[in-house]
Amino acid sequence: MLKKLVLTAPLIAVGAGAAIAHTSLETKEAPVGASYKAVFRVPHGCDGKPTNAVRVQIPEGVIAVKPMPKPGWTLEKVSGAYEKSYDNHGTPTKEGVKEVLWKGGHLGDDEYDEFVVRVYLTSDLPAGKVLYFPTVQECPDGAAERWIEIPAEGQSGDDLEFPAPGVKLLEKAGSH
């Protein structure tokens, strides 16, 4: 039994390393109809090169986007129209931030960092589903890590090579 455990442990460690080797969200669940602090964890650069930019696409139904500035990085917000109007605390909202970009920084391939955005998850979002934030790490010489794959309806996404960070949407607090 001990021999089997000793032989299995390295495989478990390799599997765990692969699971955390991609850009992910720190908090994996959040209620709809509430604010959400999305902390994007970037665990490395691109095949030995540093990450110089992190680009996060904001999905439909996510409004009131406020990214946290990072010292040494330039922050850009790309705005656009929403597919429909959303209620933002009594104010109809038809456009807002659709993409956040931190650029000009330096995250070494052997370093880790976090990029933070505060958002509002509208009540229109479907509780029980996973909401994905496609994310791209840009590196020198055109290299990039593209965490943009979204599983097909009904699939878990566990077998995706470059999964987009996702948050499972929960029912609004106090609702049944």
C-alpha atoms as a PDB file:
ATOM      1  CA  MET A   1       0.000   0.000   0.000  1.00  0.00           C
ATOM      2  CA  LEU A   2       2.815   2.407   0.905  1.00  0.00           C
ATOM      3  CA  LYS A   3       4.562   1.643  -2.408  1.00  0.00           C
ATOM      4  CA  LYS A   4       1.330   2.470  -4.295  1.00  0.00           C
ATOM      5  CA  LEU A   5       0.946   5.751  -2.359  1.00  0.00           C
ATOM      6  CA  VAL A   6       4.568   6.731  -3.045  1.00  0.00           C
ATOM      7  CA  LEU A   7       4.145   6.069  -6.778  1.00  0.00           C
ATOM      8  CA  THR A   8       0.795   7.904  -6.952  1.00  0.00           C
ATOM      9  CA  ALA A   9       1.855  11.042  -5.046  1.00  0.00           C
ATOM     10  CA  PRO A  10       4.002  12.493  -7.881  1.00  0.00           C
ATOM     11  CA  LEU A  11       1.110  12.012 -10.323  1.00  0.00           C
ATOM     12  CA  ILE A  12      -1.241  13.846  -7.997  1.00  0.00           C
ATOM     13  CA  ALA A  13       1.285  16.672  -7.644  1.00  0.00           C
ATOM     14  CA  VAL A  14       1.675  16.937 -11.441  1.00  0.00           C
ATOM     15  CA  GLY A  15      -2.098  17.000 -11.895  1.00  0.00           C
ATOM     16  CA  ALA A  16      -2.493  19.689  -9.240  1.00  0.00           C
ATOM     17  CA  GLY A  17       0.250  21.776 -10.852  1.00  0.00           C
ATOM     18  CA  ALA A  18      -1.475  21.635 -14.223  1.00  0.00           C
ATOM     19  CA  ALA A  19      -4.761  22.669 -12.674  1.00  0.00           C
ATOM     20  CA  ILE A  20      -3.269  25.861 -11.229  1.00  0.00           C
ATOM     21  CA  ALA A  21      -0.902  26.681 -14.099  1.00  0.00           C
ATOM     22  CA  HIS A  22      -3.472  28.877 -15.847  1.00  0.00           C
ATOM     23  CA  THR A  23      -4.939  32.276 -15.075  1.00  0.00           C
ATOM     24  CA  SER A  24      -7.840  31.768 -12.682  1.00  0.00           C
ATOM     25  CA  LEU A  25     -10.219  33.611 -10.389  1.00  0.00           C
ATOM     26  CA  GLU A  26      -9.526  33.580  -6.659  1.00  0.00           C
ATOM     27  CA  THR A  27     -13.226  33.429  -5.688  1.00  0.00           C
ATOM     28  CA  LYS A  28     -14.997  30.691  -7.652  1.00  0.00           C
ATOM     29  CA  GLU A  29     -18.627  31.501  -6.694  1.00  0.00           C
ATOM     30  CA  ALA A  30     -20.653  34.718  -6.429  1.00  0.00           C
ATOM     31  CA  PRO A  31     -24.340  35.664  -6.187  1.00  0.00           C
ATOM     32  CA  VAL A  32     -26.121  37.467  -9.016  1.00  0.00           C
ATOM     33  CA  GLY A  33     -27.551  40.887  -8.224  1.00  0.00           C
ATOM     34  CA  ALA A  34     -24.479  41.781  -6.173  1.00  0.00           C
ATOM     35  CA  SER A  35     -20.976  43.229  -6.362  1.00  0.00           C
ATOM     36  CA  TYR A  36     -18.111  40.822  -7.018  1.00  0.00           C
ATOM     37  CA  LYS A  37     -14.387  41.372  -6.520  1.00  0.00           C
ATOM     38  CA  ALA A  38     -12.777  39.447  -9.379  1.00  0.00           C
ATOM     39  CA  VAL A  39      -9.154  38.685  -8.524  1.00  0.00           C
ATOM     40  CA  PHE A  40      -7.377  37.260 -11.576  1.00  0.00           C
ATOM     41  CA  ARG A  41      -4.393  35.160 -10.492  1.00  0.00           C
ATOM     42  CA  VAL A  42      -1.595  35.093 -13.062  1.00  0.00           C
ATOM     43  CA  PRO A  43       0.911  32.405 -12.033  1.00  0.00           C
ATOM     44  CA  HIS A  44       3.636  32.848 -14.683  1.00  0.00           C
ATOM     45  CA  GLY A  45       4.747  34.486 -17.930  1.00  0.00           C
ATOM     46  CA  CYS A  46       4.941  32.903 -21.406  1.00  0.00           C
ATOM     47  CA  ASP A  47       7.442  30.075 -21.876  1.00  0.00           C
ATOM     48  CA  GLY A  48      10.291  31.839 -20.111  1.00  0.00           C
ATOM     49  CA  LYS A  49       9.265  35.366 -21.141  1.00  0.00           C
ATOM     50  CA  PRO A  50       7.697  37.953 -18.832  1.00  0.00           C
ATOM     51  CA  THR A  51       4.063  39.020 -19.064  1.00  0.00           C
ATOM     52  CA  ASN A  52       3.877  42.677 -20.157  1.00  0.00           C
ATOM     53  CA  ALA A  53       0.087  42.986 -20.484  1.00  0.00           C
ATOM     54  CA  VAL A  54      -3.017  41.319 -19.077  1.00  0.00           C
ATOM     55  CA  ARG A  55      -6.257  41.761 -21.020  1.00  0.00           C
ATOM     56  CA  VAL A  56      -9.613  40.703 -19.515  1.00  0.00           C
ATOM     57  CA  GLN A  57     -12.829  40.594 -21.535  1.00  0.00           C
ATOM     58  CA  ILE A  58     -15.897  41.554 -19.497  1.00  0.00           C
ATOM     59  CA  PRO A  59     -18.885  39.297 -20.290  1.00  0.00           C
ATOM     60  CA  GLU A  60     -22.407  40.541 -21.023  1.00  0.00           C
ATOM     61  CA  GLY A  61     -24.426  41.084 -17.850  1.00  0.00           C
ATOM     62  CA  VAL A  62     -21.432  42.390 -15.889  1.00  0.00           C
ATOM     63  CA  ILE A  63     -21.604  46.141 -15.295  1.00  0.00           C
ATOM     64  CA  ALA A  64     -20.161  48.914 -13.062  1.00  0.00           C
ATOM     65  CA  VAL A  65     -16.636  47.674 -13.817  1.00  0.00           C
ATOM     66  CA  LYS A  66     -13.917  49.311 -11.708  1.00  0.00           C
ATOM     67  CA  PRO A  67     -10.405  47.908 -12.195  1.00  0.00           C
ATOM     68  CA  MET A  68      -7.740  48.378  -9.540  1.00  0.00           C
ATOM     69  CA  PRO A  69      -4.660  50.261 -10.796  1.00  0.00           C
ATOM     70  CA  LYS A  70      -1.306  48.510 -10.343  1.00  0.00           C
ATOM     71  CA  PRO A  71       1.925  50.384  -9.699  1.00  0.00           C
ATOM     72  CA  GLY A  72       4.219  50.037 -12.723  1.00  0.00           C
ATOM     73  CA  TRP A  73       1.361  49.153 -15.078  1.00  0.00           C
ATOM     74  CA  THR A  74      -0.774  51.412 -17.297  1.00  0.00           C
ATOM     75  CA  LEU A  75      -4.505  50.806 -16.972  1.00  0.00           C
ATOM     76  CA  GLU A  76      -6.887  51.050 -19.939  1.00  0.00           C
ATOM     77  CA  LYS A  77     -10.650  50.506 -20.052  1.00  0.00           C
ATOM     78  CA  VAL A  78     -12.373  49.815 -23.372  1.00  0.00           C
ATOM     79  CA  SER A  79     -16.057  50.783 -23.284  1.00  0.00           C
ATOM     80  CA  GLY A  80     -18.914  49.835 -25.557  1.00  0.00           C
ATOM     81  CA  ALA A  81     -22.637  49.237 -25.807  1.00  0.00           C
ATOM     82  CA  TYR A  82     -24.332  46.386 -23.985  1.00  0.00           C
ATOM     83  CA  GLU A  83     -26.701  44.038 -25.825  1.00  0.00           C
ATOM     84  CA  LYS A  84     -29.512  45.412 -23.644  1.00  0.00           C
ATOM     85  CA  SER A  85     -30.108  47.927 -20.865  1.00  0.00           C
ATOM     86  CA  TYR A  86     -29.361  46.877 -17.265  1.00  0.00           C
ATOM     87  CA  ASP A  87     -30.584  48.322 -13.978  1.00  0.00           C
ATOM     88  CA  ASN A  88     -27.664  49.818 -12.049  1.00  0.00           C
ATOM     89  CA  HIS A  89     -29.251  50.654  -8.689  1.00  0.00           C
ATOM     90  CA  GLY A  90     -32.247  52.327 -10.336  1.00  0.00           C
ATOM     91  CA  THR A  91     -30.349  53.848 -13.272  1.00  0.00           C
ATOM     92  CA  PRO A  92     -30.762  52.274 -16.723  1.00  0.00           C
ATOM     93  CA  THR A  93     -27.292  51.414 -18.061  1.00  0.00           C
ATOM     94  CA  LYS A  94     -26.783  50.761 -21.783  1.00  0.00           C
ATOM     95  CA  GLU A  95     -22.982  50.894 -22.044  1.00  0.00           C
ATOM     96  CA  GLY A  96     -19.886  50.441 -19.977  1.00  0.00           C
ATOM     97  CA  VAL A  97     -16.485  48.791 -19.718  1.00  0.00           C
ATOM     98  CA  LYS A  98     -16.220  45.721 -21.976  1.00  0.00           C
ATOM     99  CA  GLU A  99     -12.485  45.078 -21.573  1.00  0.00           C
ATOM    100  CA  VAL A 100      -9.781  45.922 -19.041  1.00  0.00           C
ATOM    101  CA  LEU A 101      -6.105  46.062 -19.977  1.00  0.00           C
ATOM    102  CA  TRP A 102      -3.093  46.408 -17.713  1.00  0.00           C
ATOM    103  CA  LYS A 103       0.033  46.969 -19.834  1.00  0.00           C
ATOM    104  CA  GLY A 104       3.640  48.091 -19.670  1.00  0.00           C
ATOM    105  CA  GLY A 105       4.434  46.100 -16.553  1.00  0.00           C
ATOM    106  CA  HIS A 106       6.783  43.203 -15.981  1.00  0.00           C
ATOM    107  CA  LEU A 107       5.707  39.879 -14.490  1.00  0.00           C
ATOM    108  CA  GLY A 108       8.598  37.430 -14.773  1.00  0.00           C
ATOM    109  CA  ASP A 109       7.925  33.872 -15.840  1.00  0.00           C
ATOM    110  CA  ASP A 110       9.012  32.792 -12.351  1.00  0.00           C
ATOM    111  CA  GLU A 111       6.732  35.323 -10.603  1.00  0.00           C
ATOM    112  CA  TYR A 112       3.067  35.516  -9.583  1.00  0.00           C
ATOM    113  CA  ASP A 113       0.676  38.476  -9.459  1.00  0.00           C
ATOM    114  CA  GLU A 114      -2.989  39.374  -9.149  1.00  0.00           C
ATOM    115  CA  PHE A 115      -5.107  41.773 -11.195  1.00  0.00           C
ATOM    116  CA  VAL A 116      -8.318  43.018  -9.568  1.00  0.00           C
ATOM    117  CA  VAL A 117     -11.626  44.289 -10.942  1.00  0.00           C
ATOM    118  CA  ARG A 118     -14.732  45.162  -8.919  1.00  0.00           C
ATOM    119  CA  VAL A 119     -17.923  44.503 -10.888  1.00  0.00           C
ATOM    120  CA  TYR A 120     -21.672  44.168 -10.460  1.00  0.00           C
ATOM    121  CA  LEU A 121     -23.206  40.840 -11.528  1.00  0.00           C
ATOM    122  CA  THR A 122     -26.684  41.778 -12.757  1.00  0.00           C
ATOM    123  CA  SER A 123     -29.767  39.856 -11.658  1.00  0.00           C
ATOM    124  CA  ASP A 124     -30.293  38.950 -15.345  1.00  0.00           C
ATOM    125  CA  LEU A 125     -27.391  36.470 -15.165  1.00  0.00           C
ATOM    126  CA  PRO A 126     -28.469  32.811 -14.800  1.00  0.00           C
ATOM    127  CA  ALA A 127     -27.827  31.380 -11.316  1.00  0.00           C
ATOM    128  CA  GLY A 128     -26.320  27.899 -11.501  1.00  0.00           C
ATOM    129  CA  LYS A 129     -24.234  28.647 -14.609  1.00  0.00           C
ATOM    130  CA  VAL A 130     -20.553  29.564 -14.875  1.00  0.00           C
ATOM    131  CA  LEU A 131     -19.695  33.025 -16.195  1.00  0.00           C
ATOM    132  CA  TYR A 132     -16.376  33.215 -18.072  1.00  0.00           C
ATOM    133  CA  PHE A 133     -13.885  36.081 -18.371  1.00  0.00           C
ATOM    134  CA  PRO A 134     -11.590  35.342 -21.356  1.00  0.00           C
ATOM    135  CA  THR A 135      -8.094  36.533 -20.412  1.00  0.00           C
ATOM    136  CA  VAL A 136      -4.913  37.002 -22.446  1.00  0.00           C
ATOM    137  CA  GLN A 137      -1.391  37.447 -21.118  1.00  0.00           C
ATOM    138  CA  GLU A 138       0.758  39.285 -23.672  1.00  0.00           C
ATOM    139  CA  CYS A 139       4.512  38.808 -23.679  1.00  0.00           C
ATOM    140  CA  PRO A 140       7.471  40.111 -25.770  1.00  0.00           C
ATOM    141  CA  ASP A 141       7.914  39.125 -29.414  1.00  0.00           C
ATOM    142  CA  GLY A 142       4.220  38.371 -29.912  1.00  0.00           C
ATOM    143  CA  ALA A 143       4.152  35.509 -27.409  1.00  0.00           C
ATOM    144  CA  ALA A 144       0.928  35.131 -25.440  1.00  0.00           C
ATOM    145  CA  GLU A 145      -0.981  32.859 -23.136  1.00  0.00           C
ATOM    146  CA  ARG A 146      -4.652  32.908 -24.233  1.00  0.00           C
ATOM    147  CA  TRP A 147      -6.989  31.701 -21.492  1.00  0.00           C
ATOM    148  CA  ILE A 148     -10.081  32.014 -23.683  1.00  0.00           C
ATOM    149  CA  GLU A 149     -11.616  28.553 -24.071  1.00  0.00           C
ATOM    150  CA  ILE A 150     -15.208  28.239 -22.858  1.00  0.00           C
ATOM    151  CA  PRO A 151     -16.790  24.786 -22.569  1.00  0.00           C
ATOM    152  CA  ALA A 152     -19.772  23.881 -24.721  1.00  0.00           C
ATOM    153  CA  GLU A 153     -23.192  23.821 -23.045  1.00  0.00           C
ATOM    154  CA  GLY A 154     -23.388  20.822 -20.725  1.00  0.00           C
ATOM    155  CA  GLN A 155     -19.615  20.213 -20.589  1.00  0.00           C
ATOM    156  CA  SER A 156     -17.477  20.791 -17.495  1.00  0.00           C
ATOM    157  CA  GLY A 157     -14.452  22.315 -19.195  1.00  0.00           C
ATOM    158  CA  ASP A 158     -12.044  20.132 -17.192  1.00  0.00           C
ATOM    159  CA  ASP A 159     -10.465  18.879 -20.416  1.00  0.00           C
ATOM    160  CA  LEU A 160      -9.804  22.319 -21.951  1.00  0.00           C
ATOM    161  CA  GLU A 161      -6.166  23.202 -22.558  1.00  0.00           C
ATOM    162  CA  PHE A 162      -6.587  26.981 -22.185  1.00  0.00           C
ATOM    163  CA  PRO A 163      -9.719  27.509 -20.037  1.00  0.00           C
ATOM    164  CA  ALA A 164     -11.065  31.017 -19.460  1.00  0.00           C
ATOM    165  CA  PRO A 165     -11.341  31.954 -15.776  1.00  0.00           C
ATOM    166  CA  GLY A 166     -14.894  31.401 -14.562  1.00  0.00           C
ATOM    167  CA  VAL A 167     -17.139  32.118 -11.607  1.00  0.00           C
ATOM    168  CA  LYS A 168     -20.173  29.994 -10.718  1.00  0.00           C
ATOM    169  CA  LEU A 169     -23.234  32.204 -10.361  1.00  0.00           C
ATOM    170  CA  LEU A 170     -25.301  31.666  -7.234  1.00  0.00           C
ATOM    171  CA  GLU A 171     -28.850  32.778  -6.464  1.00  0.00           C
ATOM    172  CA  LYS A 172     -29.139  36.251  -5.040  1.00  0.00           C
ATOM    173  CA  ALA A 173     -28.684  36.279  -1.284  1.00  0.00           C
ATOM    174  CA  GLY A 174     -32.032  35.917   0.457  1.00  0.00           C
ATOM    175  CA  SER A 175     -33.834  34.384  -2.566  1.00  0.00           C
ATOM    176  CA  HIS A 176     -34.979  30.783  -2.891  1.00  0.00           C
END
